[in-house]
Amino acid sequence: MPLTETLDPVARAAVLLKEHRQSIDRLDAILVYTLGERFKHTQAVGKLKAENDLPPSDPDREAAQIARLEDLATQADLDPDFAKKFLNFVIQEVIRHHRQHQS
């Protein structure tokens, strides 16, 4: 019999809450490191664009990425509107970095 089944409801909830929070903390770390890796690549793209006199934004690619992310969000059971807002935020930050390289 698992330990949580022998506990009173409040103690069981505390154990389960702790487990959920540990998972959330691990996932937050994954998100931060993943964003760090992503921005390393977008910084390289920004430098490449600046060196080759390319515009800092690519509306066609951005639209395709948003559509792709909305589809992935649906598959992952994540609110596609939230995913779209998140990607728009990331894209605007990337464009800001790209413009800095062109200055």
N, C-alpha and C. Protein backbone atom coordinates (compact mmCIF):
# COMPACT_ATOMS: atom_id res chain seq x y z
N MET A 1 0.85 -1.18 0.00
CA MET A 1 0.00 0.00 0.00
C MET A 1 0.89 1.24 0.00
N PRO A 2 0.67 2.17 -0.95
CA PRO A 2 1.47 3.40 -0.98
C PRO A 2 1.29 4.21 0.29
N LEU A 3 2.34 4.91 0.65
CA LEU A 3 2.35 5.71 1.87
C LEU A 3 1.20 6.72 1.90
N THR A 4 0.91 7.34 0.76
CA THR A 4 -0.14 8.38 0.77
C THR A 4 -1.50 7.82 1.11
N GLU A 5 -1.73 6.54 0.89
CA GLU A 5 -3.04 5.95 1.22
C GLU A 5 -3.22 5.75 2.71
N THR A 6 -2.12 5.74 3.46
CA THR A 6 -2.21 5.53 4.92
C THR A 6 -2.32 6.85 5.68
N LEU A 7 -2.20 7.96 4.98
CA LEU A 7 -2.22 9.27 5.63
C LEU A 7 -3.63 9.83 5.70
N ASP A 8 -3.82 10.75 6.65
CA ASP A 8 -5.10 11.45 6.69
C ASP A 8 -5.17 12.38 5.47
N PRO A 9 -6.36 12.85 5.09
CA PRO A 9 -6.50 13.65 3.87
C PRO A 9 -5.60 14.89 3.80
N VAL A 10 -5.42 15.59 4.90
CA VAL A 10 -4.60 16.80 4.89
C VAL A 10 -3.13 16.45 4.67
N ALA A 11 -2.65 15.41 5.36
CA ALA A 11 -1.26 14.99 5.19
C ALA A 11 -1.04 14.46 3.78
N ARG A 12 -2.01 13.71 3.26
CA ARG A 12 -1.91 13.19 1.89
C ARG A 12 -1.84 14.33 0.89
N ALA A 13 -2.69 15.34 1.08
CA ALA A 13 -2.68 16.50 0.19
C ALA A 13 -1.34 17.22 0.26
N ALA A 14 -0.75 17.32 1.44
CA ALA A 14 0.55 17.99 1.59
C ALA A 14 1.64 17.23 0.81
N VAL A 15 1.61 15.91 0.87
CA VAL A 15 2.59 15.09 0.14
C VAL A 15 2.41 15.28 -1.36
N LEU A 16 1.17 15.20 -1.82
CA LEU A 16 0.90 15.36 -3.25
C LEU A 16 1.25 16.77 -3.73
N LEU A 17 0.95 17.77 -2.91
CA LEU A 17 1.28 19.15 -3.26
C LEU A 17 2.79 19.30 -3.43
N LYS A 18 3.54 18.73 -2.51
CA LYS A 18 5.01 18.80 -2.57
C LYS A 18 5.51 18.14 -3.86
N GLU A 19 4.95 17.00 -4.23
CA GLU A 19 5.37 16.30 -5.45
C GLU A 19 5.06 17.14 -6.69
N HIS A 20 3.87 17.73 -6.73
CA HIS A 20 3.52 18.59 -7.86
C HIS A 20 4.46 19.79 -7.96
N ARG A 21 4.76 20.39 -6.83
CA ARG A 21 5.64 21.56 -6.84
C ARG A 21 7.05 21.19 -7.27
N GLN A 22 7.52 20.02 -6.90
CA GLN A 22 8.85 19.57 -7.35
C GLN A 22 8.86 19.40 -8.87
N SER A 23 7.78 18.85 -9.41
CA SER A 23 7.68 18.71 -10.87
C SER A 23 7.64 20.07 -11.55
N ILE A 24 6.88 20.99 -10.98
CA ILE A 24 6.79 22.34 -11.54
C ILE A 24 8.16 23.00 -11.53
N ASP A 25 8.90 22.85 -10.44
CA ASP A 25 10.24 23.44 -10.35
C ASP A 25 11.17 22.87 -11.41
N ARG A 26 11.12 21.56 -11.64
CA ARG A 26 11.94 20.93 -12.68
C ARG A 26 11.56 21.46 -14.06
N LEU A 27 10.25 21.57 -14.30
CA LEU A 27 9.79 22.07 -15.60
C LEU A 27 10.16 23.53 -15.81
N ASP A 28 10.11 24.34 -14.75
CA ASP A 28 10.55 25.73 -14.86
C ASP A 28 12.02 25.80 -15.26
N ALA A 29 12.84 24.95 -14.68
CA ALA A 29 14.26 24.91 -15.04
C ALA A 29 14.43 24.53 -16.50
N ILE A 30 13.67 23.56 -16.96
CA ILE A 30 13.73 23.15 -18.36
C ILE A 30 13.35 24.31 -19.27
N LEU A 31 12.29 25.03 -18.91
CA LEU A 31 11.86 26.18 -19.71
C LEU A 31 12.94 27.25 -19.79
N VAL A 32 13.57 27.56 -18.67
CA VAL A 32 14.60 28.60 -18.64
C VAL A 32 15.80 28.19 -19.49
N TYR A 33 16.27 26.96 -19.33
CA TYR A 33 17.41 26.51 -20.12
C TYR A 33 17.06 26.41 -21.60
N THR A 34 15.84 26.00 -21.91
CA THR A 34 15.41 25.92 -23.30
C THR A 34 15.34 27.31 -23.93
N LEU A 35 14.79 28.28 -23.20
CA LEU A 35 14.76 29.65 -23.70
C LEU A 35 16.17 30.20 -23.88
N GLY A 36 17.06 29.88 -22.95
CA GLY A 36 18.46 30.30 -23.09
C GLY A 36 19.08 29.77 -24.36
N GLU A 37 18.87 28.50 -24.65
CA GLU A 37 19.39 27.88 -25.86
C GLU A 37 18.75 28.50 -27.10
N ARG A 38 17.47 28.74 -27.04
CA ARG A 38 16.76 29.34 -28.18
C ARG A 38 17.34 30.73 -28.48
N PHE A 39 17.55 31.53 -27.43
CA PHE A 39 18.05 32.88 -27.65
C PHE A 39 19.50 32.88 -28.14
N LYS A 40 20.28 31.87 -27.80
CA LYS A 40 21.64 31.77 -28.38
C LYS A 40 21.54 31.67 -29.90
N HIS A 41 20.59 30.87 -30.38
CA HIS A 41 20.42 30.71 -31.82
C HIS A 41 19.85 31.97 -32.46
N THR A 42 18.88 32.60 -31.79
CA THR A 42 18.31 33.81 -32.39
C THR A 42 19.32 34.96 -32.38
N GLN A 43 20.22 34.98 -31.40
CA GLN A 43 21.28 35.99 -31.40
C GLN A 43 22.19 35.78 -32.61
N ALA A 44 22.51 34.51 -32.90
CA ALA A 44 23.34 34.20 -34.06
C ALA A 44 22.63 34.60 -35.36
N VAL A 45 21.32 34.37 -35.41
CA VAL A 45 20.53 34.78 -36.58
C VAL A 45 20.56 36.30 -36.71
N GLY A 46 20.42 37.00 -35.60
CA GLY A 46 20.45 38.46 -35.63
C GLY A 46 21.77 38.99 -36.16
N LYS A 47 22.88 38.40 -35.73
CA LYS A 47 24.19 38.82 -36.23
C LYS A 47 24.31 38.53 -37.71
N LEU A 48 23.85 37.36 -38.13
CA LEU A 48 23.90 36.99 -39.53
C LEU A 48 23.08 37.96 -40.38
N LYS A 49 21.89 38.30 -39.90
CA LYS A 49 21.05 39.26 -40.62
C LYS A 49 21.73 40.62 -40.71
N ALA A 50 22.31 41.08 -39.62
CA ALA A 50 22.97 42.38 -39.61
C ALA A 50 24.16 42.39 -40.56
N GLU A 51 24.95 41.33 -40.56
CA GLU A 51 26.13 41.25 -41.43
C GLU A 51 25.75 41.20 -42.90
N ASN A 52 24.55 40.73 -43.20
CA ASN A 52 24.12 40.58 -44.59
C ASN A 52 23.01 41.55 -44.96
N ASP A 53 22.83 42.58 -44.12
CA ASP A 53 21.87 43.65 -44.38
C ASP A 53 20.46 43.11 -44.64
N LEU A 54 20.05 42.15 -43.83
CA LEU A 54 18.71 41.58 -43.93
C LEU A 54 17.82 42.24 -42.87
N PRO A 55 16.52 42.32 -43.12
CA PRO A 55 15.62 42.96 -42.15
C PRO A 55 15.56 42.16 -40.83
N PRO A 56 15.36 42.86 -39.72
CA PRO A 56 15.34 42.17 -38.42
C PRO A 56 14.14 41.26 -38.22
N SER A 57 13.06 41.50 -38.96
CA SER A 57 11.89 40.64 -38.79
C SER A 57 11.54 39.99 -40.12
N ASP A 58 10.87 38.85 -40.02
CA ASP A 58 10.43 38.09 -41.20
C ASP A 58 8.97 37.71 -40.95
N PRO A 59 8.04 38.58 -41.36
CA PRO A 59 6.63 38.35 -41.06
C PRO A 59 6.08 37.00 -41.54
N ASP A 60 6.55 36.51 -42.70
CA ASP A 60 6.07 35.21 -43.18
C ASP A 60 6.49 34.09 -42.24
N ARG A 61 7.76 34.12 -41.82
CA ARG A 61 8.25 33.09 -40.88
C ARG A 61 7.53 33.21 -39.55
N GLU A 62 7.34 34.43 -39.08
CA GLU A 62 6.66 34.62 -37.79
C GLU A 62 5.25 34.06 -37.84
N ALA A 63 4.52 34.32 -38.92
CA ALA A 63 3.16 33.80 -39.06
C ALA A 63 3.16 32.27 -39.10
N ALA A 64 4.12 31.70 -39.82
CA ALA A 64 4.22 30.23 -39.89
C ALA A 64 4.55 29.64 -38.52
N GLN A 65 5.43 30.30 -37.79
CA GLN A 65 5.80 29.82 -36.46
C GLN A 65 4.62 29.89 -35.50
N ILE A 66 3.84 30.95 -35.59
CA ILE A 66 2.67 31.08 -34.71
C ILE A 66 1.66 29.98 -35.03
N ALA A 67 1.41 29.75 -36.31
CA ALA A 67 0.48 28.67 -36.70
C ALA A 67 0.99 27.32 -36.22
N ARG A 68 2.29 27.09 -36.38
CA ARG A 68 2.90 25.83 -35.93
C ARG A 68 2.76 25.66 -34.42
N LEU A 69 3.03 26.74 -33.68
CA LEU A 69 2.95 26.66 -32.22
C LEU A 69 1.51 26.46 -31.75
N GLU A 70 0.56 27.10 -32.42
CA GLU A 70 -0.85 26.89 -32.06
C GLU A 70 -1.23 25.42 -32.26
N ASP A 71 -0.76 24.81 -33.33
CA ASP A 71 -1.03 23.40 -33.58
C ASP A 71 -0.38 22.52 -32.51
N LEU A 72 0.88 22.82 -32.19
CA LEU A 72 1.56 22.06 -31.13
C LEU A 72 0.84 22.22 -29.80
N ALA A 73 0.38 23.43 -29.52
CA ALA A 73 -0.33 23.69 -28.26
C ALA A 73 -1.60 22.85 -28.18
N THR A 74 -2.33 22.79 -29.29
CA THR A 74 -3.54 21.98 -29.31
C THR A 74 -3.21 20.51 -29.05
N GLN A 75 -2.15 20.03 -29.68
CA GLN A 75 -1.73 18.63 -29.47
C GLN A 75 -1.32 18.39 -28.01
N ALA A 76 -0.72 19.41 -27.38
CA ALA A 76 -0.24 19.28 -26.00
C ALA A 76 -1.30 19.61 -24.97
N ASP A 77 -2.53 19.88 -25.43
CA ASP A 77 -3.62 20.25 -24.54
C ASP A 77 -3.32 21.55 -23.78
N LEU A 78 -2.69 22.49 -24.50
CA LEU A 78 -2.38 23.82 -23.96
C LEU A 78 -3.24 24.82 -24.72
N ASP A 79 -3.72 25.82 -24.04
CA ASP A 79 -4.54 26.84 -24.67
C ASP A 79 -3.77 27.49 -25.82
N PRO A 80 -4.24 27.33 -27.07
CA PRO A 80 -3.53 27.90 -28.22
C PRO A 80 -3.39 29.42 -28.15
N ASP A 81 -4.36 30.10 -27.55
CA ASP A 81 -4.26 31.56 -27.41
C ASP A 81 -3.10 31.93 -26.50
N PHE A 82 -2.93 31.19 -25.42
CA PHE A 82 -1.79 31.42 -24.53
C PHE A 82 -0.48 31.16 -25.28
N ALA A 83 -0.42 30.07 -26.02
CA ALA A 83 0.79 29.74 -26.78
C ALA A 83 1.12 30.84 -27.78
N LYS A 84 0.09 31.37 -28.44
CA LYS A 84 0.28 32.44 -29.41
C LYS A 84 0.81 33.70 -28.73
N LYS A 85 0.24 34.06 -27.60
CA LYS A 85 0.71 35.23 -26.86
C LYS A 85 2.16 35.05 -26.42
N PHE A 86 2.48 33.86 -25.95
CA PHE A 86 3.84 33.57 -25.50
C PHE A 86 4.82 33.70 -26.66
N LEU A 87 4.50 33.08 -27.80
CA LEU A 87 5.40 33.15 -28.95
C LEU A 87 5.51 34.58 -29.47
N ASN A 88 4.42 35.32 -29.48
CA ASN A 88 4.49 36.72 -29.90
C ASN A 88 5.44 37.51 -29.01
N PHE A 89 5.39 37.26 -27.72
CA PHE A 89 6.30 37.92 -26.78
C PHE A 89 7.75 37.56 -27.12
N VAL A 90 8.02 36.28 -27.33
CA VAL A 90 9.37 35.83 -27.65
C VAL A 90 9.83 36.45 -28.97
N ILE A 91 8.98 36.44 -29.97
CA ILE A 91 9.33 37.01 -31.28
C ILE A 91 9.67 38.49 -31.15
N GLN A 92 8.89 39.24 -30.40
CA GLN A 92 9.17 40.67 -30.24
C GLN A 92 10.51 40.89 -29.54
N GLU A 93 10.84 40.04 -28.60
CA GLU A 93 12.13 40.13 -27.92
C GLU A 93 13.27 39.81 -28.89
N VAL A 94 13.08 38.81 -29.72
CA VAL A 94 14.09 38.45 -30.72
C VAL A 94 14.29 39.60 -31.70
N ILE A 95 13.20 40.19 -32.18
CA ILE A 95 13.31 41.31 -33.12
C ILE A 95 14.04 42.48 -32.46
N ARG A 96 13.76 42.72 -31.21
CA ARG A 96 14.46 43.79 -30.48
C ARG A 96 15.95 43.52 -30.46
N HIS A 97 16.34 42.28 -30.20
CA HIS A 97 17.77 41.91 -30.20
C HIS A 97 18.36 42.08 -31.60
N HIS A 98 17.61 41.67 -32.62
CA HIS A 98 18.10 41.79 -34.00
C HIS A 98 18.34 43.26 -34.36
N ARG A 99 17.45 44.11 -33.92
CA ARG A 99 17.61 45.55 -34.20
C ARG A 99 18.85 46.11 -33.50
N GLN A 100 19.15 45.60 -32.32
CA GLN A 100 20.34 46.04 -31.60
C GLN A 100 21.60 45.69 -32.39
N HIS A 101 21.59 44.54 -33.05
CA HIS A 101 22.75 44.13 -33.84
C HIS A 101 22.94 45.03 -35.05
N GLN A 102 21.85 45.61 -35.53
CA GLN A 102 21.93 46.44 -36.72
C GLN A 102 22.31 47.88 -36.40
N SER A 103 22.36 48.22 -35.14
CA SER A 103 22.71 49.60 -34.74
C SER A 103 24.20 49.82 -34.82
